[in-house]
Amino acid sequence: MAVVTGHRLQTLVDESVFLGLGSASAERGYLGRAARGELVATLVRYADTARRLGAVNVILLGTEPIRRAADAGAVVQEVEAASGAPLHVLTHEEEAYLTLIGVTEGMPVAHETLVVDVGGGSSEFCIVDAVRPPRAAGLRVGSAMLTDRIVSHDPATLDEVDAMRSAAFVAVRDAPDARPGEIVAVGGTASNLLKVLPAAALDRTMTHERIVEALAILASEPATVAAERHLINPIRARILPAGGAILDAILDRYAADRIRVSEAGVREGTILAATHAGHAWRDRLADLAHGWRV
């Protein structure tokens, strides 16, 4: 939850819970009653907190796990009935646009920029430059998906890490063509990798060498140890090597030497878009992603 002052966000509450929805959707093809109940309870609590802080319009977002869940309709109905707020199930393109808006804060970019969010079930790409309309795409490759498919040990063995890297390199070949002057990563994968490497946390930058170092550290300790040592959610710690493998594949795909990690993302982009465009925010995302500030 945040308020907008000018074009800047002032965070009031920043909270997250790892529910494992991506794994549930991948395994069964649907969330199921228990997972839906846990999700509904979490979102009701978030909505209540927002209203106590003065929010008039509460916006709830659904991303990849809900997009591909067979019971997505039931999720939307149950969330809206319990929370009194609409649940917007975003397309890949909409999610990428909102992520870009969160990073740029509505400022037009001066050079071609790629913003990427490696999630649990998918990775979202958005490319924007000073001339052409923004382009967005999603790939069905994510940290939880890759881990569930390949890893059976804790920590992942070196062979499993190598297998994840190979699978990530193949999957990322289908990422949209671009020649970005800058790559910006957002979301839990990138921000938690920084926690593994203090030097990277100082300049919020990941390179191939740093990713390899982080993967080696994570492959040397069980998820519970990594979680305690690096202050990472235990479930996140287990799937983080796969996220690192995907980011490394993105560096290779675009022949880049570094990725900047931003704290902003889809949540911040949604607040900015809704504040600027009002109730029509979802219809105007392509224009908003190109920037509106001067």
C-alpha atoms as a PDB file:
ATOM      1  CA  MET A   1       0.000   0.000   0.000  1.00  0.00           C
ATOM      2  CA  ALA A   2       1.329   3.449  -0.889  1.00  0.00           C
ATOM      3  CA  VAL A   3       0.346   7.039  -1.528  1.00  0.00           C
ATOM      4  CA  VAL A   4       1.477   9.055  -4.535  1.00  0.00           C
ATOM      5  CA  THR A   5       3.177  12.390  -3.894  1.00  0.00           C
ATOM      6  CA  GLY A   6       3.863  14.062  -7.206  1.00  0.00           C
ATOM      7  CA  HIS A   7       5.066  11.086  -9.206  1.00  0.00           C
ATOM      8  CA  ARG A   8       6.765   9.349  -6.289  1.00  0.00           C
ATOM      9  CA  LEU A   9       5.365   6.556  -4.166  1.00  0.00           C
ATOM     10  CA  GLN A  10       5.477   6.698  -0.405  1.00  0.00           C
ATOM     11  CA  THR A  11       5.104   3.162   0.907  1.00  0.00           C
ATOM     12  CA  LEU A  12       2.729   2.724   3.824  1.00  0.00           C
ATOM     13  CA  VAL A  13       2.749  -1.075   4.102  1.00  0.00           C
ATOM     14  CA  ASP A  14       4.944  -3.540   2.199  1.00  0.00           C
ATOM     15  CA  GLU A  15       4.057  -7.138   2.940  1.00  0.00           C
ATOM     16  CA  SER A  16       4.261 -10.383   1.031  1.00  0.00           C
ATOM     17  CA  VAL A  17       3.328 -14.010   1.611  1.00  0.00           C
ATOM     18  CA  PHE A  18       4.619 -16.908  -0.484  1.00  0.00           C
ATOM     19  CA  LEU A  19       1.579 -19.125  -1.117  1.00  0.00           C
ATOM     20  CA  GLY A  20       3.054 -21.476  -3.710  1.00  0.00           C
ATOM     21  CA  LEU A  21       0.202 -20.882  -6.149  1.00  0.00           C
ATOM     22  CA  GLY A  22       2.444 -21.385  -9.182  1.00  0.00           C
ATOM     23  CA  SER A  23       3.405 -24.896  -8.112  1.00  0.00           C
ATOM     24  CA  ALA A  24      -0.197 -25.779  -7.290  1.00  0.00           C
ATOM     25  CA  SER A  25      -1.431 -24.589 -10.666  1.00  0.00           C
ATOM     26  CA  ALA A  26       1.385 -26.375 -12.502  1.00  0.00           C
ATOM     27  CA  GLU A  27       0.874 -29.683 -10.696  1.00  0.00           C
ATOM     28  CA  ARG A  28      -2.920 -29.887 -10.854  1.00  0.00           C
ATOM     29  CA  GLY A  29      -3.972 -27.390 -13.485  1.00  0.00           C
ATOM     30  CA  TYR A  30      -6.083 -25.610 -10.880  1.00  0.00           C
ATOM     31  CA  LEU A  31      -5.644 -24.100  -7.410  1.00  0.00           C
ATOM     32  CA  GLY A  32      -8.250 -26.098  -5.537  1.00  0.00           C
ATOM     33  CA  ARG A  33     -10.471 -25.214  -2.600  1.00  0.00           C
ATOM     34  CA  ALA A  34      -7.718 -25.120   0.053  1.00  0.00           C
ATOM     35  CA  ALA A  35      -5.355 -22.919  -1.970  1.00  0.00           C
ATOM     36  CA  ARG A  36      -8.217 -20.617  -2.971  1.00  0.00           C
ATOM     37  CA  GLY A  37      -9.236 -20.286   0.678  1.00  0.00           C
ATOM     38  CA  GLU A  38      -5.706 -19.332   1.717  1.00  0.00           C
ATOM     39  CA  LEU A  39      -5.484 -16.810  -1.117  1.00  0.00           C
ATOM     40  CA  VAL A  40      -8.870 -15.278  -0.294  1.00  0.00           C
ATOM     41  CA  ALA A  41      -7.974 -14.918   3.397  1.00  0.00           C
ATOM     42  CA  THR A  42      -4.692 -13.213   2.497  1.00  0.00           C
ATOM     43  CA  LEU A  43      -6.304 -10.756   0.076  1.00  0.00           C
ATOM     44  CA  VAL A  44      -9.130  -9.937   2.479  1.00  0.00           C
ATOM     45  CA  ARG A  45      -6.530  -9.046   5.083  1.00  0.00           C
ATOM     46  CA  TYR A  46      -4.658  -6.856   2.588  1.00  0.00           C
ATOM     47  CA  ALA A  47      -7.865  -5.108   1.496  1.00  0.00           C
ATOM     48  CA  ASP A  48      -8.895  -4.461   5.103  1.00  0.00           C
ATOM     49  CA  THR A  49      -5.476  -2.996   5.868  1.00  0.00           C
ATOM     50  CA  ALA A  50      -5.666  -0.717   2.836  1.00  0.00           C
ATOM     51  CA  ARG A  51      -9.087   0.584   3.816  1.00  0.00           C
ATOM     52  CA  ARG A  52      -7.970   1.218   7.393  1.00  0.00           C
ATOM     53  CA  LEU A  53      -5.187   3.362   5.929  1.00  0.00           C
ATOM     54  CA  GLY A  54      -7.707   5.386   3.921  1.00  0.00           C
ATOM     55  CA  ALA A  55      -7.815   3.655   0.544  1.00  0.00           C
ATOM     56  CA  VAL A  56     -11.020   4.401  -1.374  1.00  0.00           C
ATOM     57  CA  ASN A  57     -10.453   2.083  -4.349  1.00  0.00           C
ATOM     58  CA  VAL A  58      -8.679  -1.213  -3.708  1.00  0.00           C
ATOM     59  CA  ILE A  59      -7.170  -2.968  -6.743  1.00  0.00           C
ATOM     60  CA  LEU A  60      -6.253  -6.653  -6.553  1.00  0.00           C
ATOM     61  CA  LEU A  61      -4.163  -8.296  -9.275  1.00  0.00           C
ATOM     62  CA  GLY A  62      -3.920 -11.881 -10.486  1.00  0.00           C
ATOM     63  CA  THR A  63      -0.887 -13.016 -12.480  1.00  0.00           C
ATOM     64  CA  GLU A  64       0.434 -16.254 -14.005  1.00  0.00           C
ATOM     65  CA  PRO A  65      -0.816 -18.863 -11.485  1.00  0.00           C
ATOM     66  CA  ILE A  66      -4.372 -17.554 -11.779  1.00  0.00           C
ATOM     67  CA  ARG A  67      -4.099 -16.910 -15.528  1.00  0.00           C
ATOM     68  CA  ARG A  68      -3.594 -20.613 -16.209  1.00  0.00           C
ATOM     69  CA  ALA A  69      -5.679 -22.103 -13.394  1.00  0.00           C
ATOM     70  CA  ALA A  70      -8.787 -23.968 -14.543  1.00  0.00           C
ATOM     71  CA  ASP A  71     -10.671 -22.572 -11.544  1.00  0.00           C
ATOM     72  CA  ALA A  72      -9.682 -18.947 -12.212  1.00  0.00           C
ATOM     73  CA  GLY A  73     -13.361 -17.979 -12.478  1.00  0.00           C
ATOM     74  CA  ALA A  74     -14.016 -19.334  -8.992  1.00  0.00           C
ATOM     75  CA  VAL A  75     -10.942 -17.484  -7.678  1.00  0.00           C
ATOM     76  CA  VAL A  76     -12.216 -14.172  -9.043  1.00  0.00           C
ATOM     77  CA  GLN A  77     -15.738 -14.679  -7.664  1.00  0.00           C
ATOM     78  CA  GLU A  78     -14.590 -15.794  -4.203  1.00  0.00           C
ATOM     79  CA  VAL A  79     -12.041 -12.986  -3.844  1.00  0.00           C
ATOM     80  CA  GLU A  80     -14.486 -10.281  -4.919  1.00  0.00           C
ATOM     81  CA  ALA A  81     -17.290 -11.630  -2.713  1.00  0.00           C
ATOM     82  CA  ALA A  82     -15.070 -11.798   0.378  1.00  0.00           C
ATOM     83  CA  SER A  83     -12.979  -8.642  -0.093  1.00  0.00           C
ATOM     84  CA  GLY A  84     -15.429  -6.316  -1.825  1.00  0.00           C
ATOM     85  CA  ALA A  85     -12.696  -5.439  -4.333  1.00  0.00           C
ATOM     86  CA  PRO A  86     -12.343  -6.529  -7.986  1.00  0.00           C
ATOM     87  CA  LEU A  87      -9.616  -9.012  -8.871  1.00  0.00           C
ATOM     88  CA  HIS A  88      -8.020  -8.091 -12.211  1.00  0.00           C
ATOM     89  CA  VAL A  89      -6.451 -11.156 -13.833  1.00  0.00           C
ATOM     90  CA  LEU A  90      -3.743  -9.606 -15.981  1.00  0.00           C
ATOM     91  CA  THR A  91      -2.553 -10.817 -19.354  1.00  0.00           C
ATOM     92  CA  HIS A  92       1.185 -11.324 -19.878  1.00  0.00           C
ATOM     93  CA  GLU A  93       1.246  -8.027 -21.785  1.00  0.00           C
ATOM     94  CA  GLU A  94      -0.609  -6.064 -19.120  1.00  0.00           C
ATOM     95  CA  GLU A  95       1.660  -7.394 -16.384  1.00  0.00           C
ATOM     96  CA  ALA A  96       4.749  -6.409 -18.366  1.00  0.00           C
ATOM     97  CA  TYR A  97       3.416  -2.903 -19.064  1.00  0.00           C
ATOM     98  CA  LEU A  98       2.634  -2.305 -15.396  1.00  0.00           C
ATOM     99  CA  THR A  99       6.082  -3.519 -14.396  1.00  0.00           C
ATOM    100  CA  LEU A 100       7.671  -1.091 -16.846  1.00  0.00           C
ATOM    101  CA  ILE A 101       5.573   1.780 -15.467  1.00  0.00           C
ATOM    102  CA  GLY A 102       6.695   0.893 -11.956  1.00  0.00           C
ATOM    103  CA  VAL A 103      10.356   1.091 -12.997  1.00  0.00           C
ATOM    104  CA  THR A 104      10.158   4.283 -15.065  1.00  0.00           C
ATOM    105  CA  GLU A 105       7.609   6.071 -12.840  1.00  0.00           C
ATOM    106  CA  GLY A 106       5.993   7.449 -15.984  1.00  0.00           C
ATOM    107  CA  MET A 107       9.165   8.964 -17.434  1.00  0.00           C
ATOM    108  CA  PRO A 108       9.842   8.322 -21.140  1.00  0.00           C
ATOM    109  CA  VAL A 109      13.069   6.375 -21.708  1.00  0.00           C
ATOM    110  CA  ALA A 110      15.983   7.805 -23.684  1.00  0.00           C
ATOM    111  CA  HIS A 111      17.320   4.460 -24.974  1.00  0.00           C
ATOM    112  CA  GLU A 112      15.962   0.980 -25.590  1.00  0.00           C
ATOM    113  CA  THR A 113      15.250  -0.601 -22.227  1.00  0.00           C
ATOM    114  CA  LEU A 114      14.228  -4.136 -21.302  1.00  0.00           C
ATOM    115  CA  VAL A 115      12.362  -4.707 -18.039  1.00  0.00           C
ATOM    116  CA  VAL A 116      12.043  -8.322 -16.958  1.00  0.00           C
ATOM    117  CA  ASP A 117      10.301 -10.017 -14.043  1.00  0.00           C
ATOM    118  CA  VAL A 118      11.227 -13.652 -13.420  1.00  0.00           C
ATOM    119  CA  GLY A 119       8.304 -15.090 -11.499  1.00  0.00           C
ATOM    120  CA  GLY A 120       7.495 -18.541 -10.228  1.00  0.00           C
ATOM    121  CA  GLY A 121       5.503 -19.717 -13.235  1.00  0.00           C
ATOM    122  CA  SER A 122       6.487 -17.308 -15.980  1.00  0.00           C
ATOM    123  CA  SER A 123       8.816 -14.481 -16.927  1.00  0.00           C
ATOM    124  CA  GLU A 124       7.502 -11.166 -18.222  1.00  0.00           C
ATOM    125  CA  PHE A 125       9.417  -9.018 -20.720  1.00  0.00           C
ATOM    126  CA  CYS A 126       8.678  -5.428 -21.720  1.00  0.00           C
ATOM    127  CA  ILE A 127      10.765  -3.455 -24.199  1.00  0.00           C
ATOM    128  CA  VAL A 128      10.438   0.270 -24.748  1.00  0.00           C
ATOM    129  CA  ASP A 129      12.432   2.927 -26.583  1.00  0.00           C
ATOM    130  CA  ALA A 130      12.018   6.598 -27.373  1.00  0.00           C
ATOM    131  CA  VAL A 131      10.256   6.052 -30.720  1.00  0.00           C
ATOM    132  CA  ARG A 132       8.334   2.800 -31.102  1.00  0.00           C
ATOM    133  CA  PRO A 133       5.364   1.636 -29.036  1.00  0.00           C
ATOM    134  CA  PRO A 134       6.327  -0.615 -26.117  1.00  0.00           C
ATOM    135  CA  ARG A 135       6.395  -4.367 -26.739  1.00  0.00           C
ATOM    136  CA  ALA A 136       5.542  -6.958 -24.140  1.00  0.00           C
ATOM    137  CA  ALA A 137       5.612 -10.727 -23.973  1.00  0.00           C
ATOM    138  CA  GLY A 138       5.586 -13.528 -21.435  1.00  0.00           C
ATOM    139  CA  LEU A 139       7.500 -16.803 -21.438  1.00  0.00           C
ATOM    140  CA  ARG A 140       6.250 -19.925 -19.676  1.00  0.00           C
ATOM    141  CA  VAL A 141       9.462 -20.348 -17.733  1.00  0.00           C
ATOM    142  CA  GLY A 142       9.745 -19.445 -14.060  1.00  0.00           C
ATOM    143  CA  SER A 143      11.750 -20.353 -10.983  1.00  0.00           C
ATOM    144  CA  ALA A 144       9.144 -22.607  -9.361  1.00  0.00           C
ATOM    145  CA  MET A 145       8.282 -24.286 -12.662  1.00  0.00           C
ATOM    146  CA  LEU A 146      11.926 -25.011 -13.468  1.00  0.00           C
ATOM    147  CA  THR A 147      12.647 -26.255  -9.944  1.00  0.00           C
ATOM    148  CA  ASP A 148       9.627 -28.563  -9.881  1.00  0.00           C
ATOM    149  CA  ARG A 149      10.593 -30.020 -13.255  1.00  0.00           C
ATOM    150  CA  ILE A 150      14.272 -30.681 -12.541  1.00  0.00           C
ATOM    151  CA  VAL A 151      15.228 -30.573  -8.854  1.00  0.00           C
ATOM    152  CA  SER A 152      14.701 -33.455  -6.429  1.00  0.00           C
ATOM    153  CA  HIS A 153      17.456 -32.679  -3.902  1.00  0.00           C
ATOM    154  CA  ASP A 154      17.967 -30.020  -1.221  1.00  0.00           C
ATOM    155  CA  PRO A 155      20.208 -28.307  -1.970  1.00  0.00           C
ATOM    156  CA  ALA A 156      20.084 -28.821  -5.723  1.00  0.00           C
ATOM    157  CA  THR A 157      23.015 -30.873  -6.969  1.00  0.00           C
ATOM    158  CA  LEU A 158      25.524 -29.389  -9.397  1.00  0.00           C
ATOM    159  CA  ASP A 159      24.038 -31.580 -12.130  1.00  0.00           C
ATOM    160  CA  GLU A 160      20.572 -30.220 -11.362  1.00  0.00           C
ATOM    161  CA  VAL A 161      21.856 -26.641 -11.410  1.00  0.00           C
ATOM    162  CA  ASP A 162      23.502 -27.300 -14.779  1.00  0.00           C
ATOM    163  CA  ALA A 163      20.268 -28.852 -16.075  1.00  0.00           C
ATOM    164  CA  MET A 164      18.284 -25.787 -14.976  1.00  0.00           C
ATOM    165  CA  ARG A 165      20.763 -23.483 -16.677  1.00  0.00           C
ATOM    166  CA  SER A 166      20.522 -25.475 -19.904  1.00  0.00           C
ATOM    167  CA  ALA A 167      16.710 -25.476 -19.795  1.00  0.00           C
ATOM    168  CA  ALA A 168      16.658 -21.734 -19.084  1.00  0.00           C
ATOM    169  CA  PHE A 169      18.975 -20.972 -22.007  1.00  0.00           C
ATOM    170  CA  VAL A 170      16.697 -22.939 -24.352  1.00  0.00           C
ATOM    171  CA  ALA A 171      13.512 -21.289 -23.062  1.00  0.00           C
ATOM    172  CA  VAL A 172      14.878 -17.745 -23.227  1.00  0.00           C
ATOM    173  CA  ARG A 173      15.702 -18.140 -26.915  1.00  0.00           C
ATOM    174  CA  ASP A 174      11.997 -17.349 -27.464  1.00  0.00           C
ATOM    175  CA  ALA A 175      12.239 -14.015 -25.638  1.00  0.00           C
ATOM    176  CA  PRO A 176      11.403 -10.982 -27.813  1.00  0.00           C
ATOM    177  CA  ASP A 177      14.167  -9.622 -30.042  1.00  0.00           C
ATOM    178  CA  ALA A 178      15.778  -6.418 -28.807  1.00  0.00           C
ATOM    179  CA  ARG A 179      19.084  -4.611 -28.438  1.00  0.00           C
ATOM    180  CA  PRO A 180      18.584  -3.042 -25.019  1.00  0.00           C
ATOM    181  CA  GLY A 181      20.982  -0.425 -23.734  1.00  0.00           C
ATOM    182  CA  GLU A 182      19.841  -1.368 -20.253  1.00  0.00           C
ATOM    183  CA  ILE A 183      18.199  -4.413 -18.669  1.00  0.00           C
ATOM    184  CA  VAL A 184      16.268  -3.922 -15.440  1.00  0.00           C
ATOM    185  CA  ALA A 185      15.098  -6.871 -13.349  1.00  0.00           C
ATOM    186  CA  VAL A 186      12.281  -6.574 -10.834  1.00  0.00           C
ATOM    187  CA  GLY A 187      10.510  -8.950  -8.476  1.00  0.00           C
ATOM    188  CA  GLY A 188      11.439 -11.502  -5.851  1.00  0.00           C
ATOM    189  CA  THR A 189      13.993 -13.464  -7.862  1.00  0.00           C
ATOM    190  CA  ALA A 190      16.243 -10.481  -8.512  1.00  0.00           C
ATOM    191  CA  SER A 191      15.825  -8.825  -5.110  1.00  0.00           C
ATOM    192  CA  ASN A 192      16.515 -12.063  -3.207  1.00  0.00           C
ATOM    193  CA  LEU A 193      19.602 -12.884  -5.263  1.00  0.00           C
ATOM    194  CA  LEU A 194      21.019  -9.573  -4.045  1.00  0.00           C
ATOM    195  CA  LYS A 195      20.680 -10.826  -0.465  1.00  0.00           C
ATOM    196  CA  VAL A 196      22.995 -13.729  -1.226  1.00  0.00           C
ATOM    197  CA  LEU A 197      25.805 -11.416  -2.377  1.00  0.00           C
ATOM    198  CA  PRO A 198      26.466  -8.335  -0.209  1.00  0.00           C
ATOM    199  CA  ALA A 199      28.631  -6.740  -2.924  1.00  0.00           C
ATOM    200  CA  ALA A 200      25.770  -6.967  -5.412  1.00  0.00           C
ATOM    201  CA  ALA A 201      23.385  -5.472  -2.873  1.00  0.00           C
ATOM    202  CA  LEU A 202      25.559  -2.364  -2.653  1.00  0.00           C
ATOM    203  CA  ASP A 203      25.213  -1.392  -6.324  1.00  0.00           C
ATOM    204  CA  ARG A 204      22.036  -3.443  -7.046  1.00  0.00           C
ATOM    205  CA  THR A 205      23.656  -5.024 -10.087  1.00  0.00           C
ATOM    206  CA  MET A 206      23.897  -8.657 -11.199  1.00  0.00           C
ATOM    207  CA  THR A 207      26.539  -9.891 -13.650  1.00  0.00           C
ATOM    208  CA  HIS A 208      27.282 -13.349 -15.019  1.00  0.00           C
ATOM    209  CA  GLU A 209      30.116 -13.761 -12.513  1.00  0.00           C
ATOM    210  CA  ARG A 210      27.904 -12.741  -9.600  1.00  0.00           C
ATOM    211  CA  ILE A 211      25.104 -15.078 -10.651  1.00  0.00           C
ATOM    212  CA  VAL A 212      27.546 -17.985 -10.896  1.00  0.00           C
ATOM    213  CA  GLU A 213      28.826 -17.131  -7.409  1.00  0.00           C
ATOM    214  CA  ALA A 214      25.289 -16.952  -6.011  1.00  0.00           C
ATOM    215  CA  LEU A 215      24.389 -20.303  -7.578  1.00  0.00           C
ATOM    216  CA  ALA A 216      27.470 -21.899  -6.028  1.00  0.00           C
ATOM    217  CA  ILE A 217      26.530 -20.559  -2.590  1.00  0.00           C
ATOM    218  CA  LEU A 218      22.928 -21.748  -2.878  1.00  0.00           C
ATOM    219  CA  ALA A 219      24.060 -25.172  -4.087  1.00  0.00           C
ATOM    220  CA  SER A 220      26.172 -25.572  -0.945  1.00  0.00           C
ATOM    221  CA  GLU A 221      23.429 -25.252   1.686  1.00  0.00           C
ATOM    222  CA  PRO A 222      19.887 -26.609   2.239  1.00  0.00           C
ATOM    223  CA  ALA A 223      17.013 -24.183   1.717  1.00  0.00           C
ATOM    224  CA  THR A 224      16.359 -23.819   5.453  1.00  0.00           C
ATOM    225  CA  VAL A 225      19.990 -22.831   6.061  1.00  0.00           C
ATOM    226  CA  ALA A 226      20.016 -20.442   3.092  1.00  0.00           C
ATOM    227  CA  ALA A 227      16.761 -18.888   4.292  1.00  0.00           C
ATOM    228  CA  GLU A 228      18.152 -18.186   7.764  1.00  0.00           C
ATOM    229  CA  ARG A 229      21.561 -17.069   6.572  1.00  0.00           C
ATOM    230  CA  HIS A 230      20.381 -14.719   3.821  1.00  0.00           C
ATOM    231  CA  LEU A 231      17.004 -13.703   5.314  1.00  0.00           C
ATOM    232  CA  ILE A 232      15.007 -15.317   2.515  1.00  0.00           C
ATOM    233  CA  ASN A 233      11.673 -17.108   2.675  1.00  0.00           C
ATOM    234  CA  PRO A 234      12.463 -20.880   2.843  1.00  0.00           C
ATOM    235  CA  ILE A 235      10.265 -21.679  -0.160  1.00  0.00           C
ATOM    236  CA  ARG A 236      11.881 -18.838  -2.097  1.00  0.00           C
ATOM    237  CA  ALA A 237      15.339 -20.108  -1.125  1.00  0.00           C
ATOM    238  CA  ARG A 238      14.589 -23.494  -2.699  1.00  0.00           C
ATOM    239  CA  ILE A 239      13.586 -22.031  -6.074  1.00  0.00           C
ATOM    240  CA  LEU A 240      16.124 -19.194  -6.160  1.00  0.00           C
ATOM    241  CA  PRO A 241      18.810 -21.156  -8.068  1.00  0.00           C
ATOM    242  CA  ALA A 242      16.354 -21.608 -10.933  1.00  0.00           C
ATOM    243  CA  GLY A 243      15.644 -17.871 -10.914  1.00  0.00           C
ATOM    244  CA  GLY A 244      19.363 -17.157 -11.084  1.00  0.00           C
ATOM    245  CA  ALA A 245      19.705 -19.547 -14.010  1.00  0.00           C
ATOM    246  CA  ILE A 246      16.953 -17.701 -15.885  1.00  0.00           C
ATOM    247  CA  LEU A 247      18.532 -14.289 -15.261  1.00  0.00           C
ATOM    248  CA  ASP A 248      21.868 -15.619 -16.504  1.00  0.00           C
ATOM    249  CA  ALA A 249      20.165 -16.898 -19.649  1.00  0.00           C
ATOM    250  CA  ILE A 250      18.666 -13.434 -20.184  1.00  0.00           C
ATOM    251  CA  LEU A 251      22.134 -11.861 -19.972  1.00  0.00           C
ATOM    252  CA  ASP A 252      23.331 -14.295 -22.628  1.00  0.00           C
ATOM    253  CA  ARG A 253      20.247 -13.856 -24.839  1.00  0.00           C
ATOM    254  CA  TYR A 254      20.790 -10.115 -25.102  1.00  0.00           C
ATOM    255  CA  ALA A 255      24.615 -10.154 -25.033  1.00  0.00           C
ATOM    256  CA  ALA A 256      24.542  -7.908 -21.976  1.00  0.00           C
ATOM    257  CA  ASP A 257      27.121  -7.646 -19.227  1.00  0.00           C
ATOM    258  CA  ARG A 258      24.881  -6.559 -16.360  1.00  0.00           C
ATOM    259  CA  ILE A 259      21.327  -6.364 -15.063  1.00  0.00           C
ATOM    260  CA  ARG A 260      20.198  -3.551 -12.784  1.00  0.00           C
ATOM    261  CA  VAL A 261      17.825  -4.635 -10.022  1.00  0.00           C
ATOM    262  CA  SER A 262      14.924  -2.321  -9.213  1.00  0.00           C
ATOM    263  CA  GLU A 263      12.768  -2.449  -6.109  1.00  0.00           C
ATOM    264  CA  ALA A 264       9.776  -1.198  -8.121  1.00  0.00           C
ATOM    265  CA  GLY A 265       7.534  -3.498 -10.123  1.00  0.00           C
ATOM    266  CA  VAL A 266       3.969  -4.381 -11.035  1.00  0.00           C
ATOM    267  CA  ARG A 267       2.489  -3.180  -7.726  1.00  0.00           C
ATOM    268  CA  GLU A 268       4.078   0.250  -8.016  1.00  0.00           C
ATOM    269  CA  GLY A 269       3.160   0.451 -11.696  1.00  0.00           C
ATOM    270  CA  THR A 270      -0.485  -0.299 -10.944  1.00  0.00           C
ATOM    271  CA  ILE A 271      -0.698   2.420  -8.292  1.00  0.00           C
ATOM    272  CA  LEU A 272       0.882   4.974 -10.641  1.00  0.00           C
ATOM    273  CA  ALA A 273      -1.268   3.934 -13.627  1.00  0.00           C
ATOM    274  CA  ALA A 274      -4.513   4.025 -11.641  1.00  0.00           C
ATOM    275  CA  THR A 275      -3.616   7.369 -10.071  1.00  0.00           C
ATOM    276  CA  HIS A 276      -2.816   8.930 -13.447  1.00  0.00           C
ATOM    277  CA  ALA A 277      -5.531   7.349 -15.610  1.00  0.00           C
ATOM    278  CA  GLY A 278      -8.314   6.661 -13.098  1.00  0.00           C
ATOM    279  CA  HIS A 279     -10.778   3.850 -13.784  1.00  0.00           C
ATOM    280  CA  ALA A 280      -9.563   3.623 -17.416  1.00  0.00           C
ATOM    281  CA  TRP A 281      -6.036   2.568 -16.375  1.00  0.00           C
ATOM    282  CA  ARG A 282      -6.311  -0.906 -17.819  1.00  0.00           C
ATOM    283  CA  ASP A 283      -7.443   0.340 -21.240  1.00  0.00           C
ATOM    284  CA  ARG A 284      -4.543   2.793 -21.494  1.00  0.00           C
ATOM    285  CA  LEU A 285      -1.595   0.646 -20.470  1.00  0.00           C
ATOM    286  CA  ALA A 286       0.240   0.718 -23.819  1.00  0.00           C
ATOM    287  CA  ASP A 287       0.187   4.524 -23.853  1.00  0.00           C
ATOM    288  CA  LEU A 288       1.057   4.788 -20.175  1.00  0.00           C
ATOM    289  CA  ALA A 289       3.997   2.407 -20.580  1.00  0.00           C
ATOM    290  CA  HIS A 290       5.512   4.824 -23.091  1.00  0.00           C
ATOM    291  CA  GLY A 291       5.578   7.522 -20.408  1.00  0.00           C
ATOM    292  CA  TRP A 292       3.515  10.612 -19.693  1.00  0.00           C
ATOM    293  CA  ARG A 293       5.842  12.849 -17.696  1.00  0.00           C
ATOM    294  CA  VAL A 294       7.913  15.637 -19.215  1.00  0.00           C
END
